[in-house]
């Protein structure tokens, strides 16, 4: 349980820290400069910290062992699902489906010469680190824990209405775009039910985040980050 919960909890802790930084008042130029620096550098620190936790607990992730790798057909199915989620996501930023104020992450603000490196770290975090920790928590741990406290005795992809609905709802609430988050959660959960392999969910999630990241870098619409 700790191996699947702790990296995700660490991730949430950094998200909360980011929200606290965004809430700092603009009382002086110095405060604005400090807030900008914190906003820019908090994400790389978060990525490294969470990645370190994943690496430390990696031997515990039996569901990510080589024998559970998806087939090429399952990979294609997962990538198509990720593409569809991305297509819907960038059209679902309606005010009523958004919670809080979305600031986004602009890696080029205040540190232009380091912008490309920070953008690369942001893309790496979104495509590699986030899909792994979120799928381990939501679809490997919580989805099964809601069925039995001995969650590792529950085969991946086991369906119950309660576990499916609760996981999808909470996954949506985790995101600023809560409705888009619920749609994504439902899609990734369907991938798990269809393939019974967590790697397929990670691939779908990574495909969505990769497309969204490329979209952000091309358009400069930082609020998607």
C-alpha atoms as a PDB file:
ATOM      1  CA  UNK A   1       0.000   0.000   0.000  1.00  0.00           C
ATOM      2  CA  UNK A   2       2.729   2.469   0.958  1.00  0.00           C
ATOM      3  CA  UNK A   3       4.545   1.933  -2.343  1.00  0.00           C
ATOM      4  CA  UNK A   4       1.459   2.994  -4.305  1.00  0.00           C
ATOM      5  CA  UNK A   5       0.163   5.715  -1.975  1.00  0.00           C
ATOM      6  CA  UNK A   6       3.303   7.542  -0.837  1.00  0.00           C
ATOM      7  CA  UNK A   7       4.555   8.742  -4.265  1.00  0.00           C
ATOM      8  CA  UNK A   8       1.064  10.011  -5.066  1.00  0.00           C
ATOM      9  CA  UNK A   9       0.765  11.700  -1.659  1.00  0.00           C
ATOM     10  CA  UNK A  10       4.121  13.377  -2.270  1.00  0.00           C
ATOM     11  CA  UNK A  11       2.826  14.569  -5.624  1.00  0.00           C
ATOM     12  CA  UNK A  12      -0.287  16.042  -3.973  1.00  0.00           C
ATOM     13  CA  UNK A  13       1.865  17.750  -1.352  1.00  0.00           C
ATOM     14  CA  UNK A  14       3.764  19.589  -4.070  1.00  0.00           C
ATOM     15  CA  UNK A  15       0.484  20.512  -5.779  1.00  0.00           C
ATOM     16  CA  UNK A  16      -0.695  22.038  -2.512  1.00  0.00           C
ATOM     17  CA  UNK A  17       2.601  23.914  -2.168  1.00  0.00           C
ATOM     18  CA  UNK A  18       2.095  25.292  -5.682  1.00  0.00           C
ATOM     19  CA  UNK A  19      -1.367  26.523  -4.766  1.00  0.00           C
ATOM     20  CA  UNK A  20       0.068  28.245  -1.702  1.00  0.00           C
ATOM     21  CA  UNK A  21       2.672  29.967  -3.889  1.00  0.00           C
ATOM     22  CA  UNK A  22      -0.044  31.155  -6.286  1.00  0.00           C
ATOM     23  CA  UNK A  23      -1.966  32.576  -3.333  1.00  0.00           C
ATOM     24  CA  UNK A  24       0.918  34.804  -2.203  1.00  0.00           C
ATOM     25  CA  UNK A  25      -0.046  38.492  -2.395  1.00  0.00           C
ATOM     26  CA  UNK A  26       1.576  40.825  -4.930  1.00  0.00           C
ATOM     27  CA  UNK A  27       2.718  43.349  -2.358  1.00  0.00           C
ATOM     28  CA  UNK A  28       6.054  44.202  -3.927  1.00  0.00           C
ATOM     29  CA  UNK A  29       8.252  43.560  -6.933  1.00  0.00           C
ATOM     30  CA  UNK A  30      10.485  41.373  -4.756  1.00  0.00           C
ATOM     31  CA  UNK A  31       7.549  39.168  -3.776  1.00  0.00           C
ATOM     32  CA  UNK A  32       6.514  38.881  -7.407  1.00  0.00           C
ATOM     33  CA  UNK A  33      10.018  37.808  -8.405  1.00  0.00           C
ATOM     34  CA  UNK A  34      10.167  35.224  -5.635  1.00  0.00           C
ATOM     35  CA  UNK A  35       6.749  33.854  -6.558  1.00  0.00           C
ATOM     36  CA  UNK A  36       7.735  33.582 -10.211  1.00  0.00           C
ATOM     37  CA  UNK A  37      10.905  31.707  -9.285  1.00  0.00           C
ATOM     38  CA  UNK A  38       9.004  29.354  -6.993  1.00  0.00           C
ATOM     39  CA  UNK A  39       6.364  28.716  -9.652  1.00  0.00           C
ATOM     40  CA  UNK A  40       9.023  27.857 -12.216  1.00  0.00           C
ATOM     41  CA  UNK A  41      11.298  25.697 -10.057  1.00  0.00           C
ATOM     42  CA  UNK A  42       8.725  23.886  -7.918  1.00  0.00           C
ATOM     43  CA  UNK A  43       7.768  21.551 -10.744  1.00  0.00           C
ATOM     44  CA  UNK A  44      11.313  20.240 -11.452  1.00  0.00           C
ATOM     45  CA  UNK A  45      11.816  19.636  -7.721  1.00  0.00           C
ATOM     46  CA  UNK A  46       8.487  17.830  -7.552  1.00  0.00           C
ATOM     47  CA  UNK A  47       9.356  15.699 -10.569  1.00  0.00           C
ATOM     48  CA  UNK A  48      12.713  14.637  -9.121  1.00  0.00           C
ATOM     49  CA  UNK A  49      11.252  13.906  -5.682  1.00  0.00           C
ATOM     50  CA  UNK A  50       8.387  11.800  -7.013  1.00  0.00           C
ATOM     51  CA  UNK A  51      10.664  10.022  -9.504  1.00  0.00           C
ATOM     52  CA  UNK A  52      13.013   9.134  -6.660  1.00  0.00           C
ATOM     53  CA  UNK A  53      10.091   7.638  -4.715  1.00  0.00           C
ATOM     54  CA  UNK A  54       9.024   5.594  -7.752  1.00  0.00           C
ATOM     55  CA  UNK A  55      12.551   4.259  -8.248  1.00  0.00           C
ATOM     56  CA  UNK A  56      12.847   3.375  -4.558  1.00  0.00           C
ATOM     57  CA  UNK A  57       9.609   1.375  -4.556  1.00  0.00           C
ATOM     58  CA  UNK A  58       9.914  -0.047  -8.078  1.00  0.00           C
ATOM     59  CA  UNK A  59      10.623  -3.650  -6.931  1.00  0.00           C
ATOM     60  CA  UNK A  60       7.212  -3.586  -5.189  1.00  0.00           C
ATOM     61  CA  UNK A  61       5.268  -2.934  -8.392  1.00  0.00           C
ATOM     62  CA  UNK A  62       4.567  -6.476  -9.518  1.00  0.00           C
ATOM     63  CA  UNK A  63       1.884  -5.205 -11.893  1.00  0.00           C
ATOM     64  CA  UNK A  64       4.605  -3.353 -13.823  1.00  0.00           C
ATOM     65  CA  UNK A  65       6.841  -6.377 -14.316  1.00  0.00           C
ATOM     66  CA  UNK A  66       7.818  -7.423 -17.831  1.00  0.00           C
ATOM     67  CA  UNK A  67       5.294 -10.253 -17.938  1.00  0.00           C
ATOM     68  CA  UNK A  68       2.476  -7.714 -17.670  1.00  0.00           C
ATOM     69  CA  UNK A  69       3.565  -5.684 -20.708  1.00  0.00           C
ATOM     70  CA  UNK A  70       0.701  -5.076 -23.165  1.00  0.00           C
ATOM     71  CA  UNK A  71       0.525  -6.583 -26.632  1.00  0.00           C
ATOM     72  CA  UNK A  72       0.950  -4.295 -29.636  1.00  0.00           C
ATOM     73  CA  UNK A  73      -2.823  -4.349 -30.193  1.00  0.00           C
ATOM     74  CA  UNK A  74      -3.365  -3.203 -26.611  1.00  0.00           C
ATOM     75  CA  UNK A  75      -0.772  -0.463 -27.085  1.00  0.00           C
ATOM     76  CA  UNK A  76      -2.562   0.776 -30.211  1.00  0.00           C
ATOM     77  CA  UNK A  77      -5.886   0.697 -28.341  1.00  0.00           C
ATOM     78  CA  UNK A  78      -4.351   2.630 -25.436  1.00  0.00           C
ATOM     79  CA  UNK A  79      -2.790   5.269 -27.702  1.00  0.00           C
ATOM     80  CA  UNK A  80      -6.073   5.810 -29.559  1.00  0.00           C
ATOM     81  CA  UNK A  81      -7.854   6.179 -26.214  1.00  0.00           C
ATOM     82  CA  UNK A  82      -5.260   8.728 -25.105  1.00  0.00           C
ATOM     83  CA  UNK A  83      -5.742  10.651 -28.346  1.00  0.00           C
ATOM     84  CA  UNK A  84      -9.506  10.770 -27.863  1.00  0.00           C
ATOM     85  CA  UNK A  85      -9.106  11.979 -24.269  1.00  0.00           C
ATOM     86  CA  UNK A  86      -6.764  14.761 -25.422  1.00  0.00           C
ATOM     87  CA  UNK A  87      -9.208  15.796 -28.158  1.00  0.00           C
ATOM     88  CA  UNK A  88     -12.024  16.069 -25.613  1.00  0.00           C
ATOM     89  CA  UNK A  89      -9.874  17.642 -22.887  1.00  0.00           C
ATOM     90  CA  UNK A  90      -8.938  20.767 -24.852  1.00  0.00           C
ATOM     91  CA  UNK A  91     -12.633  21.384 -25.561  1.00  0.00           C
ATOM     92  CA  UNK A  92     -13.910  20.998 -22.007  1.00  0.00           C
ATOM     93  CA  UNK A  93     -12.504  24.085 -20.264  1.00  0.00           C
ATOM     94  CA  UNK A  94     -15.960  25.505 -19.647  1.00  0.00           C
ATOM     95  CA  UNK A  95     -16.122  27.786 -16.572  1.00  0.00           C
ATOM     96  CA  UNK A  96     -18.768  25.645 -14.896  1.00  0.00           C
ATOM     97  CA  UNK A  97     -16.572  22.548 -15.344  1.00  0.00           C
ATOM     98  CA  UNK A  98     -13.511  24.218 -13.811  1.00  0.00           C
ATOM     99  CA  UNK A  99     -12.711  24.481 -10.119  1.00  0.00           C
ATOM    100  CA  UNK A 100     -10.562  27.302  -8.812  1.00  0.00           C
ATOM    101  CA  UNK A 101      -8.406  29.611 -10.889  1.00  0.00           C
ATOM    102  CA  UNK A 102      -6.205  27.849 -13.435  1.00  0.00           C
ATOM    103  CA  UNK A 103      -2.814  29.583 -13.650  1.00  0.00           C
ATOM    104  CA  UNK A 104      -0.965  26.999 -15.690  1.00  0.00           C
ATOM    105  CA  UNK A 105       2.798  26.534 -15.880  1.00  0.00           C
ATOM    106  CA  UNK A 106       4.955  28.674 -18.146  1.00  0.00           C
ATOM    107  CA  UNK A 107       8.560  27.373 -18.020  1.00  0.00           C
ATOM    108  CA  UNK A 108       9.825  30.433 -19.888  1.00  0.00           C
ATOM    109  CA  UNK A 109       8.680  33.081 -17.386  1.00  0.00           C
ATOM    110  CA  UNK A 110      11.487  34.806 -15.563  1.00  0.00           C
ATOM    111  CA  UNK A 111      14.163  32.344 -16.716  1.00  0.00           C
ATOM    112  CA  UNK A 112      14.270  32.593 -20.479  1.00  0.00           C
ATOM    113  CA  UNK A 113      17.686  30.955 -20.964  1.00  0.00           C
ATOM    114  CA  UNK A 114      16.561  27.939 -18.923  1.00  0.00           C
ATOM    115  CA  UNK A 115      13.097  27.790 -20.473  1.00  0.00           C
ATOM    116  CA  UNK A 116      13.826  24.968 -22.894  1.00  0.00           C
ATOM    117  CA  UNK A 117      15.319  22.783 -20.160  1.00  0.00           C
ATOM    118  CA  UNK A 118      12.411  23.449 -17.813  1.00  0.00           C
ATOM    119  CA  UNK A 119       9.922  22.765 -20.607  1.00  0.00           C
ATOM    120  CA  UNK A 120      11.661  19.442 -21.215  1.00  0.00           C
ATOM    121  CA  UNK A 121      11.445  18.561 -17.523  1.00  0.00           C
ATOM    122  CA  UNK A 122       7.775  19.543 -17.488  1.00  0.00           C
ATOM    123  CA  UNK A 123       7.081  17.344 -20.508  1.00  0.00           C
ATOM    124  CA  UNK A 124       9.026  14.444 -18.988  1.00  0.00           C
ATOM    125  CA  UNK A 125       7.086  14.758 -15.743  1.00  0.00           C
ATOM    126  CA  UNK A 126       3.745  14.860 -17.537  1.00  0.00           C
ATOM    127  CA  UNK A 127       4.471  11.973 -19.910  1.00  0.00           C
ATOM    128  CA  UNK A 128       6.490   9.612 -17.684  1.00  0.00           C
ATOM    129  CA  UNK A 129       6.218  10.403 -13.975  1.00  0.00           C
ATOM    130  CA  UNK A 130       2.580  11.491 -13.637  1.00  0.00           C
ATOM    131  CA  UNK A 131       1.020   8.571 -15.560  1.00  0.00           C
ATOM    132  CA  UNK A 132       2.963   6.051 -13.486  1.00  0.00           C
ATOM    133  CA  UNK A 133       2.127   7.471 -10.049  1.00  0.00           C
ATOM    134  CA  UNK A 134      -1.503   8.224 -10.896  1.00  0.00           C
ATOM    135  CA  UNK A 135      -2.218   4.854 -12.482  1.00  0.00           C
ATOM    136  CA  UNK A 136      -0.491   3.043  -9.624  1.00  0.00           C
ATOM    137  CA  UNK A 137      -2.650   4.912  -7.117  1.00  0.00           C
ATOM    138  CA  UNK A 138      -6.004   5.133  -8.882  1.00  0.00           C
ATOM    139  CA  UNK A 139      -6.227   2.019 -11.038  1.00  0.00           C
ATOM    140  CA  UNK A 140      -3.874  -0.363  -9.227  1.00  0.00           C
ATOM    141  CA  UNK A 141      -4.456   0.555  -5.580  1.00  0.00           C
ATOM    142  CA  UNK A 142      -7.733   2.417  -4.993  1.00  0.00           C
ATOM    143  CA  UNK A 143      -9.825   0.636  -7.621  1.00  0.00           C
ATOM    144  CA  UNK A 144      -8.945  -2.686  -5.989  1.00  0.00           C
ATOM    145  CA  UNK A 145      -8.864  -1.434  -2.387  1.00  0.00           C
ATOM    146  CA  UNK A 146     -12.520  -0.418  -2.697  1.00  0.00           C
ATOM    147  CA  UNK A 147     -13.259  -4.049  -3.492  1.00  0.00           C
ATOM    148  CA  UNK A 148     -11.079  -5.577  -0.766  1.00  0.00           C
ATOM    149  CA  UNK A 149      -8.608  -4.257   1.784  1.00  0.00           C
ATOM    150  CA  UNK A 150      -6.375  -7.100   0.638  1.00  0.00           C
ATOM    151  CA  UNK A 151      -6.203  -5.281  -2.671  1.00  0.00           C
ATOM    152  CA  UNK A 152      -3.316  -7.300  -4.098  1.00  0.00           C
ATOM    153  CA  UNK A 153      -5.523 -10.391  -3.984  1.00  0.00           C
ATOM    154  CA  UNK A 154      -7.938  -8.669  -6.383  1.00  0.00           C
ATOM    155  CA  UNK A 155      -6.985  -9.245 -10.041  1.00  0.00           C
ATOM    156  CA  UNK A 156      -6.350  -6.081 -12.058  1.00  0.00           C
ATOM    157  CA  UNK A 157      -9.389  -5.142 -14.096  1.00  0.00           C
ATOM    158  CA  UNK A 158     -11.952  -6.556 -11.653  1.00  0.00           C
ATOM    159  CA  UNK A 159     -15.165  -4.551 -12.079  1.00  0.00           C
ATOM    160  CA  UNK A 160     -17.616  -3.431  -9.442  1.00  0.00           C
ATOM    161  CA  UNK A 161     -19.951  -0.428  -9.903  1.00  0.00           C
ATOM    162  CA  UNK A 162     -18.893   1.194  -6.605  1.00  0.00           C
ATOM    163  CA  UNK A 163     -15.141   1.006  -7.180  1.00  0.00           C
ATOM    164  CA  UNK A 164     -15.508   2.283 -10.737  1.00  0.00           C
ATOM    165  CA  UNK A 165     -17.768   5.236  -9.896  1.00  0.00           C
ATOM    166  CA  UNK A 166     -15.831   6.356  -6.791  1.00  0.00           C
ATOM    167  CA  UNK A 167     -12.466   6.166  -8.543  1.00  0.00           C
ATOM    168  CA  UNK A 168     -13.680   8.085 -11.590  1.00  0.00           C
ATOM    169  CA  UNK A 169     -15.300  10.802  -9.466  1.00  0.00           C
ATOM    170  CA  UNK A 170     -12.250  11.283  -7.243  1.00  0.00           C
ATOM    171  CA  UNK A 171      -9.897  11.256 -10.229  1.00  0.00           C
ATOM    172  CA  UNK A 172     -11.951  14.084 -11.718  1.00  0.00           C
ATOM    173  CA  UNK A 173     -11.961  16.133  -8.524  1.00  0.00           C
ATOM    174  CA  UNK A 174      -8.160  15.887  -8.429  1.00  0.00           C
ATOM    175  CA  UNK A 175      -7.977  18.023 -11.578  1.00  0.00           C
ATOM    176  CA  UNK A 176      -8.849  21.683 -12.123  1.00  0.00           C
ATOM    177  CA  UNK A 177     -10.995  20.630 -15.081  1.00  0.00           C
ATOM    178  CA  UNK A 178     -13.065  18.224 -13.031  1.00  0.00           C
ATOM    179  CA  UNK A 179     -15.416  17.109 -15.801  1.00  0.00           C
ATOM    180  CA  UNK A 180     -12.559  16.480 -18.228  1.00  0.00           C
ATOM    181  CA  UNK A 181     -10.790  14.646 -15.418  1.00  0.00           C
ATOM    182  CA  UNK A 182     -13.788  12.377 -14.891  1.00  0.00           C
ATOM    183  CA  UNK A 183     -13.954  11.639 -18.604  1.00  0.00           C
ATOM    184  CA  UNK A 184     -10.249  10.809 -18.637  1.00  0.00           C
ATOM    185  CA  UNK A 185     -10.604   8.656 -15.526  1.00  0.00           C
ATOM    186  CA  UNK A 186     -13.466   6.740 -17.111  1.00  0.00           C
ATOM    187  CA  UNK A 187     -11.472   6.220 -20.309  1.00  0.00           C
ATOM    188  CA  UNK A 188      -8.346   4.963 -18.539  1.00  0.00           C
ATOM    189  CA  UNK A 189     -10.426   2.700 -16.308  1.00  0.00           C
ATOM    190  CA  UNK A 190     -12.086   1.256 -19.404  1.00  0.00           C
ATOM    191  CA  UNK A 191      -8.622   0.535 -20.821  1.00  0.00           C
ATOM    192  CA  UNK A 192      -7.840  -1.419 -17.647  1.00  0.00           C
ATOM    193  CA  UNK A 193     -11.090  -3.377 -17.842  1.00  0.00           C
ATOM    194  CA  UNK A 194     -10.432  -4.140 -21.498  1.00  0.00           C
ATOM    195  CA  UNK A 195      -6.755  -5.128 -21.201  1.00  0.00           C
ATOM    196  CA  UNK A 196      -6.329  -6.015 -17.498  1.00  0.00           C
ATOM    197  CA  UNK A 197      -2.849  -4.506 -17.702  1.00  0.00           C
ATOM    198  CA  UNK A 198      -1.765  -1.365 -15.871  1.00  0.00           C
ATOM    199  CA  UNK A 199       0.884  -0.605 -18.484  1.00  0.00           C
ATOM    200  CA  UNK A 200      -1.906  -0.085 -21.012  1.00  0.00           C
ATOM    201  CA  UNK A 201      -3.456   2.557 -18.737  1.00  0.00           C
ATOM    202  CA  UNK A 202      -0.064   4.233 -18.354  1.00  0.00           C
ATOM    203  CA  UNK A 203       0.386   4.296 -22.134  1.00  0.00           C
ATOM    204  CA  UNK A 204      -3.071   5.855 -22.642  1.00  0.00           C
ATOM    205  CA  UNK A 205      -2.433   8.427 -19.916  1.00  0.00           C
ATOM    206  CA  UNK A 206       1.027   9.202 -21.302  1.00  0.00           C
ATOM    207  CA  UNK A 207      -0.353   9.626 -24.832  1.00  0.00           C
ATOM    208  CA  UNK A 208      -2.888  12.174 -23.590  1.00  0.00           C
ATOM    209  CA  UNK A 209      -0.264  14.126 -21.663  1.00  0.00           C
ATOM    210  CA  UNK A 210       2.227  14.035 -24.525  1.00  0.00           C
ATOM    211  CA  UNK A 211      -0.299  15.426 -26.993  1.00  0.00           C
ATOM    212  CA  UNK A 212      -1.407  18.032 -24.481  1.00  0.00           C
ATOM    213  CA  UNK A 213       2.208  19.026 -23.838  1.00  0.00           C
ATOM    214  CA  UNK A 214       2.956  19.397 -27.544  1.00  0.00           C
ATOM    215  CA  UNK A 215      -0.248  21.421 -27.876  1.00  0.00           C
ATOM    216  CA  UNK A 216       0.887  23.747 -25.087  1.00  0.00           C
ATOM    217  CA  UNK A 217       4.383  24.242 -26.493  1.00  0.00           C
ATOM    218  CA  UNK A 218       3.068  24.976 -29.988  1.00  0.00           C
ATOM    219  CA  UNK A 219       0.229  27.295 -28.998  1.00  0.00           C
ATOM    220  CA  UNK A 220       1.637  28.875 -25.805  1.00  0.00           C
ATOM    221  CA  UNK A 221      -1.671  28.104 -24.039  1.00  0.00           C
ATOM    222  CA  UNK A 222       0.011  27.564 -20.692  1.00  0.00           C
ATOM    223  CA  UNK A 223      -3.228  27.171 -18.759  1.00  0.00           C
ATOM    224  CA  UNK A 224      -3.416  23.564 -19.977  1.00  0.00           C
ATOM    225  CA  UNK A 225      -0.283  22.892 -17.918  1.00  0.00           C
END
